[in-house]
Amino acid sequence: MADSLFELPIRTLAGEPSSLGEHRGKVLLLVNVASKCGLTPQYTGLERLQEKYGERGFTVLGFPCNQFGGQEPGSAEEIQEFCSTTYGVSFPLFEKVDVNGPQRHPVYARLTEVADATGEAGDVQWNFEKFLVSADGEVVGRFRPRTEPESAELVAAIEAQLAG
């Protein structure tokens, strides 16, 4: 088993081998995303966070997921085109993954061990659940899907990590 979140293998949306280690030293916001969800407009807020904090050592990382209502049915190419043309997404996107169940990706196996503000850990509830990871790879916050990317609580948590 990998020692840290940074060592877990993952593939980019283009299918290239990668890991979160490429982002070591940055504050990360990992989000399971979908193109055909009622929460899809959250891409706008996620991109604004990327633009606002990117130069300060922060990045959003998107993980397409088709486990919730089949709301991410597209191919890697379709996902990339949708995200860039519809929302101007500039942050990295990874391969489509399962975030729950027996095929849960190892990254999400680690993330879902962390409790949210109410003390509840376990399965991701829906698309656009957000996990805040410190620059040293510790999961420091979990924000449920309806928490807007630019909500006061999430922005405060990001800024606290960037100040730390």
N, C-alpha and C. Protein backbone atom coordinates (compact mmCIF):
# COMPACT_ATOMS: atom_id res chain seq x y z
N MET A 1 0.84 -1.19 0.00
CA MET A 1 0.00 0.00 0.00
C MET A 1 0.88 1.25 0.00
N ALA A 2 0.49 2.21 -0.77
CA ALA A 2 1.27 3.45 -0.86
C ALA A 2 1.28 4.16 0.49
N ASP A 3 2.38 4.82 0.78
CA ASP A 3 2.53 5.53 2.05
C ASP A 3 1.70 6.79 2.12
N SER A 4 1.48 7.43 1.00
CA SER A 4 0.74 8.69 1.04
C SER A 4 -0.18 8.81 -0.16
N LEU A 5 -1.10 9.73 -0.05
CA LEU A 5 -2.02 10.03 -1.14
C LEU A 5 -1.25 10.38 -2.41
N PHE A 6 -0.08 11.00 -2.24
CA PHE A 6 0.72 11.42 -3.39
C PHE A 6 1.28 10.25 -4.19
N GLU A 7 1.38 9.08 -3.57
CA GLU A 7 2.00 7.94 -4.24
C GLU A 7 1.01 7.03 -4.95
N LEU A 8 -0.26 7.24 -4.75
CA LEU A 8 -1.26 6.38 -5.37
C LEU A 8 -1.30 6.63 -6.87
N PRO A 9 -1.22 5.56 -7.68
CA PRO A 9 -1.25 5.76 -9.13
C PRO A 9 -2.64 6.13 -9.62
N ILE A 10 -2.65 6.99 -10.61
CA ILE A 10 -3.90 7.43 -11.26
C ILE A 10 -3.53 7.73 -12.71
N ARG A 11 -4.51 7.75 -13.56
CA ARG A 11 -4.27 8.12 -14.95
C ARG A 11 -4.91 9.47 -15.23
N THR A 12 -4.25 10.23 -16.08
CA THR A 12 -4.83 11.50 -16.52
C THR A 12 -6.06 11.21 -17.37
N LEU A 13 -6.83 12.22 -17.67
CA LEU A 13 -7.99 12.04 -18.53
C LEU A 13 -7.58 11.51 -19.89
N ALA A 14 -6.37 11.84 -20.33
CA ALA A 14 -5.86 11.35 -21.61
C ALA A 14 -5.34 9.92 -21.52
N GLY A 15 -5.37 9.33 -20.31
CA GLY A 15 -4.96 7.94 -20.15
C GLY A 15 -3.49 7.74 -19.80
N GLU A 16 -2.77 8.84 -19.56
CA GLU A 16 -1.35 8.74 -19.22
C GLU A 16 -1.17 8.39 -17.74
N PRO A 17 -0.21 7.53 -17.41
CA PRO A 17 0.06 7.24 -15.99
C PRO A 17 0.48 8.50 -15.25
N SER A 18 0.00 8.64 -14.04
CA SER A 18 0.30 9.83 -13.25
C SER A 18 0.15 9.47 -11.78
N SER A 19 0.26 10.49 -10.95
CA SER A 19 -0.03 10.37 -9.52
C SER A 19 -0.29 11.77 -8.99
N LEU A 20 -0.83 11.84 -7.80
CA LEU A 20 -1.03 13.14 -7.19
C LEU A 20 0.31 13.75 -6.77
N GLY A 21 1.36 12.95 -6.79
CA GLY A 21 2.70 13.43 -6.44
C GLY A 21 3.15 14.59 -7.30
N GLU A 22 2.61 14.70 -8.51
CA GLU A 22 2.94 15.84 -9.38
C GLU A 22 2.49 17.16 -8.76
N HIS A 23 1.59 17.06 -7.78
CA HIS A 23 1.04 18.26 -7.15
C HIS A 23 1.49 18.40 -5.70
N ARG A 24 2.48 17.58 -5.31
CA ARG A 24 3.03 17.66 -3.95
C ARG A 24 3.47 19.09 -3.67
N GLY A 25 3.16 19.57 -2.47
CA GLY A 25 3.53 20.93 -2.09
C GLY A 25 2.45 21.95 -2.38
N LYS A 26 1.38 21.53 -3.04
CA LYS A 26 0.25 22.43 -3.31
C LYS A 26 -0.92 22.04 -2.42
N VAL A 27 -1.78 23.00 -2.14
CA VAL A 27 -3.05 22.72 -1.50
C VAL A 27 -3.98 22.26 -2.62
N LEU A 28 -4.66 21.13 -2.39
CA LEU A 28 -5.47 20.51 -3.44
C LEU A 28 -6.94 20.45 -3.04
N LEU A 29 -7.80 20.60 -4.03
CA LEU A 29 -9.22 20.37 -3.84
C LEU A 29 -9.62 19.29 -4.84
N LEU A 30 -9.86 18.08 -4.33
CA LEU A 30 -10.24 16.96 -5.17
C LEU A 30 -11.76 16.88 -5.23
N VAL A 31 -12.30 16.80 -6.44
CA VAL A 31 -13.74 16.85 -6.65
C VAL A 31 -14.15 15.79 -7.66
N ASN A 32 -15.16 14.98 -7.31
CA ASN A 32 -15.72 14.07 -8.32
C ASN A 32 -16.74 14.87 -9.13
N VAL A 33 -16.52 14.93 -10.43
CA VAL A 33 -17.27 15.81 -11.30
C VAL A 33 -18.13 15.03 -12.30
N ALA A 34 -19.14 15.69 -12.85
CA ALA A 34 -20.01 15.10 -13.86
C ALA A 34 -20.57 16.19 -14.76
N SER A 35 -20.75 15.86 -16.01
CA SER A 35 -21.16 16.84 -17.03
C SER A 35 -22.67 17.04 -17.13
N LYS A 36 -23.46 16.09 -16.64
CA LYS A 36 -24.91 16.15 -16.85
C LYS A 36 -25.67 16.10 -15.53
N CYS A 37 -25.16 16.85 -14.55
CA CYS A 37 -25.71 16.85 -13.20
C CYS A 37 -26.30 18.24 -12.91
N GLY A 38 -27.28 18.27 -12.04
CA GLY A 38 -27.82 19.56 -11.61
C GLY A 38 -26.77 20.44 -10.95
N LEU A 39 -25.70 19.81 -10.44
CA LEU A 39 -24.62 20.56 -9.78
C LEU A 39 -23.48 20.91 -10.74
N THR A 40 -23.60 20.51 -12.00
CA THR A 40 -22.54 20.77 -12.98
C THR A 40 -22.12 22.24 -13.04
N PRO A 41 -23.04 23.21 -12.87
CA PRO A 41 -22.60 24.61 -12.87
C PRO A 41 -21.55 24.93 -11.81
N GLN A 42 -21.32 24.03 -10.85
CA GLN A 42 -20.24 24.26 -9.88
C GLN A 42 -18.88 24.33 -10.57
N TYR A 43 -18.76 23.81 -11.80
CA TYR A 43 -17.51 23.96 -12.54
C TYR A 43 -17.11 25.44 -12.60
N THR A 44 -18.07 26.34 -12.71
CA THR A 44 -17.77 27.77 -12.78
C THR A 44 -17.03 28.22 -11.52
N GLY A 45 -17.55 27.87 -10.35
CA GLY A 45 -16.91 28.24 -9.10
C GLY A 45 -15.57 27.56 -8.90
N LEU A 46 -15.48 26.30 -9.32
CA LEU A 46 -14.21 25.59 -9.20
C LEU A 46 -13.14 26.27 -10.06
N GLU A 47 -13.51 26.66 -11.27
CA GLU A 47 -12.54 27.35 -12.13
C GLU A 47 -12.17 28.71 -11.55
N ARG A 48 -13.11 29.41 -10.95
CA ARG A 48 -12.78 30.70 -10.32
C ARG A 48 -11.81 30.50 -9.15
N LEU A 49 -11.99 29.43 -8.36
CA LEU A 49 -11.03 29.13 -7.29
C LEU A 49 -9.65 28.88 -7.88
N GLN A 50 -9.60 28.12 -8.98
CA GLN A 50 -8.33 27.83 -9.64
C GLN A 50 -7.65 29.12 -10.09
N GLU A 51 -8.43 30.00 -10.68
CA GLU A 51 -7.87 31.27 -11.17
C GLU A 51 -7.42 32.16 -10.01
N LYS A 52 -8.18 32.18 -8.95
CA LYS A 52 -7.88 33.07 -7.82
C LYS A 52 -6.67 32.61 -7.02
N TYR A 53 -6.56 31.30 -6.80
CA TYR A 53 -5.53 30.79 -5.88
C TYR A 53 -4.41 29.99 -6.55
N GLY A 54 -4.54 29.74 -7.85
CA GLY A 54 -3.56 28.91 -8.55
C GLY A 54 -2.12 29.37 -8.38
N GLU A 55 -1.90 30.67 -8.46
CA GLU A 55 -0.54 31.19 -8.35
C GLU A 55 -0.02 31.15 -6.92
N ARG A 56 -0.89 30.87 -5.96
CA ARG A 56 -0.49 30.79 -4.55
C ARG A 56 -0.22 29.36 -4.11
N GLY A 57 -0.19 28.42 -5.06
CA GLY A 57 0.11 27.04 -4.68
C GLY A 57 -1.13 26.21 -4.40
N PHE A 58 -2.18 26.43 -5.17
CA PHE A 58 -3.44 25.71 -5.02
C PHE A 58 -3.86 25.16 -6.37
N THR A 59 -4.48 23.99 -6.37
CA THR A 59 -5.10 23.51 -7.61
C THR A 59 -6.31 22.64 -7.31
N VAL A 60 -7.29 22.76 -8.18
CA VAL A 60 -8.44 21.86 -8.19
C VAL A 60 -8.04 20.66 -9.03
N LEU A 61 -8.45 19.47 -8.62
CA LEU A 61 -8.25 18.26 -9.40
C LEU A 61 -9.61 17.61 -9.59
N GLY A 62 -10.00 17.40 -10.84
CA GLY A 62 -11.31 16.84 -11.14
C GLY A 62 -11.23 15.37 -11.48
N PHE A 63 -12.16 14.61 -10.92
CA PHE A 63 -12.25 13.16 -11.14
C PHE A 63 -13.64 12.83 -11.68
N PRO A 64 -13.80 12.75 -13.00
CA PRO A 64 -15.10 12.39 -13.55
C PRO A 64 -15.58 11.05 -12.98
N CYS A 65 -16.88 10.99 -12.72
CA CYS A 65 -17.47 9.80 -12.13
C CYS A 65 -18.87 9.61 -12.70
N ASN A 66 -19.19 8.38 -13.08
CA ASN A 66 -20.49 8.07 -13.69
C ASN A 66 -21.37 7.24 -12.74
N GLN A 67 -21.07 7.26 -11.43
CA GLN A 67 -21.79 6.41 -10.49
C GLN A 67 -23.10 6.99 -9.99
N PHE A 68 -23.36 8.25 -10.24
CA PHE A 68 -24.55 8.89 -9.70
C PHE A 68 -25.50 9.24 -10.84
N GLY A 69 -26.48 8.40 -11.05
CA GLY A 69 -27.48 8.67 -12.07
C GLY A 69 -26.95 8.66 -13.49
N GLY A 70 -25.77 8.03 -13.71
CA GLY A 70 -25.21 7.98 -15.06
C GLY A 70 -24.95 9.36 -15.62
N GLN A 71 -24.55 10.31 -14.77
CA GLN A 71 -24.45 11.71 -15.18
C GLN A 71 -23.10 12.10 -15.77
N GLU A 72 -22.21 11.13 -15.96
CA GLU A 72 -20.95 11.38 -16.67
C GLU A 72 -20.73 10.24 -17.67
N PRO A 73 -21.60 10.17 -18.71
CA PRO A 73 -21.52 9.05 -19.63
C PRO A 73 -20.44 9.19 -20.70
N GLY A 74 -19.88 10.37 -20.86
CA GLY A 74 -19.00 10.66 -21.99
C GLY A 74 -17.66 9.95 -21.95
N SER A 75 -17.04 9.93 -23.12
CA SER A 75 -15.66 9.45 -23.25
C SER A 75 -14.72 10.52 -22.69
N ALA A 76 -13.47 10.16 -22.54
CA ALA A 76 -12.48 11.13 -22.06
C ALA A 76 -12.46 12.37 -22.96
N GLU A 77 -12.52 12.16 -24.28
CA GLU A 77 -12.48 13.28 -25.21
C GLU A 77 -13.71 14.16 -25.05
N GLU A 78 -14.88 13.53 -24.88
CA GLU A 78 -16.11 14.31 -24.71
C GLU A 78 -16.09 15.10 -23.40
N ILE A 79 -15.58 14.49 -22.35
CA ILE A 79 -15.49 15.18 -21.05
C ILE A 79 -14.57 16.39 -21.17
N GLN A 80 -13.39 16.18 -21.78
CA GLN A 80 -12.42 17.27 -21.93
C GLN A 80 -13.02 18.42 -22.75
N GLU A 81 -13.68 18.08 -23.85
CA GLU A 81 -14.25 19.12 -24.70
C GLU A 81 -15.36 19.88 -23.96
N PHE A 82 -16.24 19.15 -23.27
CA PHE A 82 -17.31 19.79 -22.52
C PHE A 82 -16.75 20.74 -21.48
N CYS A 83 -15.78 20.26 -20.70
CA CYS A 83 -15.23 21.08 -19.61
C CYS A 83 -14.52 22.32 -20.13
N SER A 84 -13.78 22.18 -21.21
CA SER A 84 -13.03 23.34 -21.70
C SER A 84 -13.93 24.31 -22.45
N THR A 85 -14.85 23.82 -23.28
CA THR A 85 -15.66 24.74 -24.06
C THR A 85 -16.81 25.34 -23.26
N THR A 86 -17.42 24.57 -22.36
CA THR A 86 -18.58 25.06 -21.62
C THR A 86 -18.18 25.87 -20.39
N TYR A 87 -17.11 25.43 -19.70
CA TYR A 87 -16.75 26.07 -18.43
C TYR A 87 -15.33 26.63 -18.41
N GLY A 88 -14.58 26.49 -19.48
CA GLY A 88 -13.22 27.03 -19.52
C GLY A 88 -12.31 26.40 -18.48
N VAL A 89 -12.54 25.14 -18.18
CA VAL A 89 -11.77 24.47 -17.13
C VAL A 89 -10.29 24.40 -17.51
N SER A 90 -9.46 24.90 -16.61
CA SER A 90 -8.01 24.86 -16.83
C SER A 90 -7.32 23.91 -15.85
N PHE A 91 -8.03 23.46 -14.82
CA PHE A 91 -7.41 22.57 -13.84
C PHE A 91 -7.35 21.14 -14.37
N PRO A 92 -6.45 20.32 -13.81
CA PRO A 92 -6.29 18.96 -14.30
C PRO A 92 -7.52 18.09 -14.06
N LEU A 93 -7.80 17.25 -15.05
CA LEU A 93 -8.84 16.24 -14.95
C LEU A 93 -8.18 14.87 -15.08
N PHE A 94 -8.67 13.93 -14.30
CA PHE A 94 -8.13 12.59 -14.31
C PHE A 94 -9.12 11.63 -14.96
N GLU A 95 -8.72 10.37 -15.06
CA GLU A 95 -9.58 9.35 -15.66
C GLU A 95 -10.89 9.23 -14.89
N LYS A 96 -11.91 8.73 -15.58
CA LYS A 96 -13.19 8.47 -14.93
C LYS A 96 -12.97 7.36 -13.90
N VAL A 97 -13.44 7.59 -12.68
CA VAL A 97 -13.22 6.63 -11.59
C VAL A 97 -14.53 6.34 -10.85
N ASP A 98 -14.51 5.22 -10.13
CA ASP A 98 -15.56 4.94 -9.15
C ASP A 98 -15.10 5.53 -7.83
N VAL A 99 -16.01 6.22 -7.15
CA VAL A 99 -15.68 6.81 -5.85
C VAL A 99 -16.28 6.02 -4.70
N ASN A 100 -17.19 5.10 -5.02
CA ASN A 100 -17.83 4.24 -4.03
C ASN A 100 -17.81 2.80 -4.55
N GLY A 101 -18.10 1.86 -3.65
CA GLY A 101 -18.29 0.47 -4.05
C GLY A 101 -17.02 -0.32 -4.20
N PRO A 102 -17.16 -1.55 -4.70
CA PRO A 102 -16.03 -2.48 -4.75
C PRO A 102 -14.91 -2.06 -5.70
N GLN A 103 -15.23 -1.24 -6.70
CA GLN A 103 -14.21 -0.76 -7.64
C GLN A 103 -13.73 0.65 -7.31
N ARG A 104 -13.99 1.10 -6.07
CA ARG A 104 -13.60 2.45 -5.65
C ARG A 104 -12.10 2.64 -5.89
N HIS A 105 -11.76 3.76 -6.52
CA HIS A 105 -10.34 4.05 -6.79
C HIS A 105 -9.60 4.23 -5.46
N PRO A 106 -8.33 3.78 -5.39
CA PRO A 106 -7.56 3.92 -4.15
C PRO A 106 -7.49 5.35 -3.61
N VAL A 107 -7.47 6.35 -4.48
CA VAL A 107 -7.47 7.74 -4.01
C VAL A 107 -8.74 7.98 -3.19
N TYR A 108 -9.87 7.52 -3.70
CA TYR A 108 -11.13 7.73 -2.98
C TYR A 108 -11.28 6.80 -1.78
N ALA A 109 -10.60 5.66 -1.80
CA ALA A 109 -10.60 4.82 -0.60
C ALA A 109 -9.98 5.59 0.57
N ARG A 110 -8.93 6.35 0.28
CA ARG A 110 -8.31 7.20 1.31
C ARG A 110 -9.19 8.38 1.68
N LEU A 111 -9.71 9.07 0.68
CA LEU A 111 -10.50 10.27 0.93
C LEU A 111 -11.74 9.98 1.77
N THR A 112 -12.42 8.89 1.48
CA THR A 112 -13.69 8.61 2.15
C THR A 112 -13.52 8.14 3.59
N GLU A 113 -12.29 7.95 4.04
CA GLU A 113 -12.03 7.66 5.45
C GLU A 113 -12.22 8.90 6.31
N VAL A 114 -12.20 10.08 5.67
CA VAL A 114 -12.25 11.35 6.37
C VAL A 114 -13.70 11.79 6.58
N ALA A 115 -13.98 12.29 7.78
CA ALA A 115 -15.33 12.74 8.11
C ALA A 115 -15.56 14.18 7.64
N ASP A 116 -16.83 14.49 7.39
CA ASP A 116 -17.21 15.85 7.05
C ASP A 116 -17.41 16.66 8.34
N ALA A 117 -17.92 17.86 8.22
CA ALA A 117 -18.09 18.75 9.38
C ALA A 117 -19.04 18.17 10.43
N THR A 118 -19.93 17.28 10.03
CA THR A 118 -20.86 16.67 10.98
C THR A 118 -20.32 15.38 11.59
N GLY A 119 -19.10 15.00 11.18
CA GLY A 119 -18.49 13.79 11.72
C GLY A 119 -18.78 12.53 10.93
N GLU A 120 -19.39 12.68 9.77
CA GLU A 120 -19.76 11.52 8.96
C GLU A 120 -18.70 11.24 7.90
N ALA A 121 -18.15 10.04 7.94
CA ALA A 121 -17.21 9.58 6.92
C ALA A 121 -17.96 8.62 6.00
N GLY A 122 -17.23 7.90 5.16
CA GLY A 122 -17.86 6.90 4.31
C GLY A 122 -18.12 7.39 2.91
N ASP A 123 -19.06 6.74 2.25
CA ASP A 123 -19.29 6.95 0.83
C ASP A 123 -19.52 8.41 0.45
N VAL A 124 -19.08 8.72 -0.75
CA VAL A 124 -19.38 10.00 -1.38
C VAL A 124 -20.88 10.02 -1.62
N GLN A 125 -21.53 11.15 -1.32
CA GLN A 125 -22.98 11.23 -1.43
C GLN A 125 -23.48 11.45 -2.86
N TRP A 126 -22.77 12.24 -3.66
CA TRP A 126 -23.21 12.58 -5.00
C TRP A 126 -22.06 13.25 -5.73
N ASN A 127 -22.30 13.66 -6.98
CA ASN A 127 -21.30 14.40 -7.74
C ASN A 127 -20.94 15.70 -7.01
N PHE A 128 -19.72 16.14 -7.21
CA PHE A 128 -19.21 17.42 -6.70
C PHE A 128 -18.99 17.43 -5.18
N GLU A 129 -18.68 16.26 -4.60
CA GLU A 129 -18.20 16.25 -3.22
C GLU A 129 -16.74 16.70 -3.27
N LYS A 130 -16.33 17.50 -2.28
CA LYS A 130 -15.02 18.14 -2.33
C LYS A 130 -14.17 17.73 -1.13
N PHE A 131 -12.90 17.42 -1.40
CA PHE A 131 -11.95 17.06 -0.36
C PHE A 131 -10.77 18.02 -0.44
N LEU A 132 -10.47 18.68 0.67
CA LEU A 132 -9.35 19.62 0.73
C LEU A 132 -8.15 18.89 1.31
N VAL A 133 -7.04 18.97 0.59
CA VAL A 133 -5.81 18.26 0.97
C VAL A 133 -4.71 19.29 1.17
N SER A 134 -4.02 19.18 2.31
CA SER A 134 -2.93 20.10 2.61
C SER A 134 -1.74 19.86 1.69
N ALA A 135 -0.80 20.79 1.70
CA ALA A 135 0.39 20.69 0.86
C ALA A 135 1.23 19.45 1.18
N ASP A 136 1.08 18.91 2.40
CA ASP A 136 1.84 17.70 2.74
C ASP A 136 1.03 16.42 2.58
N GLY A 137 -0.17 16.53 1.96
CA GLY A 137 -0.93 15.34 1.61
C GLY A 137 -1.95 14.87 2.63
N GLU A 138 -2.21 15.67 3.65
CA GLU A 138 -3.21 15.30 4.65
C GLU A 138 -4.58 15.82 4.23
N VAL A 139 -5.60 14.96 4.31
CA VAL A 139 -6.96 15.40 4.01
C VAL A 139 -7.45 16.21 5.20
N VAL A 140 -7.69 17.50 4.98
CA VAL A 140 -8.01 18.42 6.07
C VAL A 140 -9.44 18.92 6.05
N GLY A 141 -10.20 18.56 5.04
CA GLY A 141 -11.58 19.00 4.99
C GLY A 141 -12.37 18.20 3.98
N ARG A 142 -13.65 18.03 4.29
CA ARG A 142 -14.57 17.33 3.38
C ARG A 142 -15.85 18.16 3.31
N PHE A 143 -16.24 18.48 2.10
CA PHE A 143 -17.39 19.34 1.87
C PHE A 143 -18.36 18.60 0.95
N ARG A 144 -19.59 18.47 1.41
CA ARG A 144 -20.59 17.70 0.68
C ARG A 144 -20.99 18.39 -0.62
N PRO A 145 -21.65 17.66 -1.53
CA PRO A 145 -21.91 18.16 -2.88
C PRO A 145 -22.60 19.51 -2.96
N ARG A 146 -23.52 19.80 -2.09
CA ARG A 146 -24.26 21.07 -2.20
C ARG A 146 -23.48 22.27 -1.68
N THR A 147 -22.31 22.04 -1.09
CA THR A 147 -21.46 23.16 -0.68
C THR A 147 -20.87 23.79 -1.94
N GLU A 148 -21.23 25.01 -2.20
CA GLU A 148 -20.73 25.71 -3.40
C GLU A 148 -19.22 25.92 -3.29
N PRO A 149 -18.51 25.82 -4.41
CA PRO A 149 -17.06 26.01 -4.38
C PRO A 149 -16.62 27.33 -3.74
N GLU A 150 -17.39 28.39 -3.95
CA GLU A 150 -16.99 29.69 -3.43
C GLU A 150 -17.72 30.03 -2.12
N SER A 151 -18.23 29.01 -1.44
CA SER A 151 -18.88 29.24 -0.15
C SER A 151 -17.87 29.77 0.86
N ALA A 152 -18.36 30.53 1.83
CA ALA A 152 -17.48 31.12 2.84
C ALA A 152 -16.67 30.04 3.57
N GLU A 153 -17.30 28.91 3.91
CA GLU A 153 -16.59 27.88 4.66
C GLU A 153 -15.47 27.24 3.85
N LEU A 154 -15.71 26.99 2.57
CA LEU A 154 -14.68 26.36 1.75
C LEU A 154 -13.55 27.35 1.45
N VAL A 155 -13.89 28.56 1.11
CA VAL A 155 -12.86 29.57 0.83
C VAL A 155 -11.99 29.80 2.08
N ALA A 156 -12.62 29.87 3.25
CA ALA A 156 -11.85 30.06 4.50
C ALA A 156 -10.89 28.89 4.73
N ALA A 157 -11.35 27.68 4.44
CA ALA A 157 -10.49 26.50 4.65
C ALA A 157 -9.31 26.51 3.66
N ILE A 158 -9.55 26.90 2.42
CA ILE A 158 -8.48 27.00 1.42
C ILE A 158 -7.47 28.06 1.86
N GLU A 159 -7.97 29.24 2.23
CA GLU A 159 -7.08 30.32 2.63
C GLU A 159 -6.27 29.96 3.88
N ALA A 160 -6.87 29.23 4.81
CA ALA A 160 -6.13 28.80 6.00
C ALA A 160 -4.99 27.87 5.62
N GLN A 161 -5.22 26.98 4.66
CA GLN A 161 -4.16 26.08 4.22
C GLN A 161 -3.05 26.83 3.48
N LEU A 162 -3.43 27.80 2.66
CA LEU A 162 -2.44 28.58 1.92
C LEU A 162 -1.62 29.46 2.85
N ALA A 163 -2.21 29.88 3.97
CA ALA A 163 -1.49 30.73 4.93
C ALA A 163 -0.56 29.92 5.82
N GLY A 164 -0.86 28.60 5.91
CA GLY A 164 -0.14 27.73 6.84
C GLY A 164 1.18 27.39 6.44
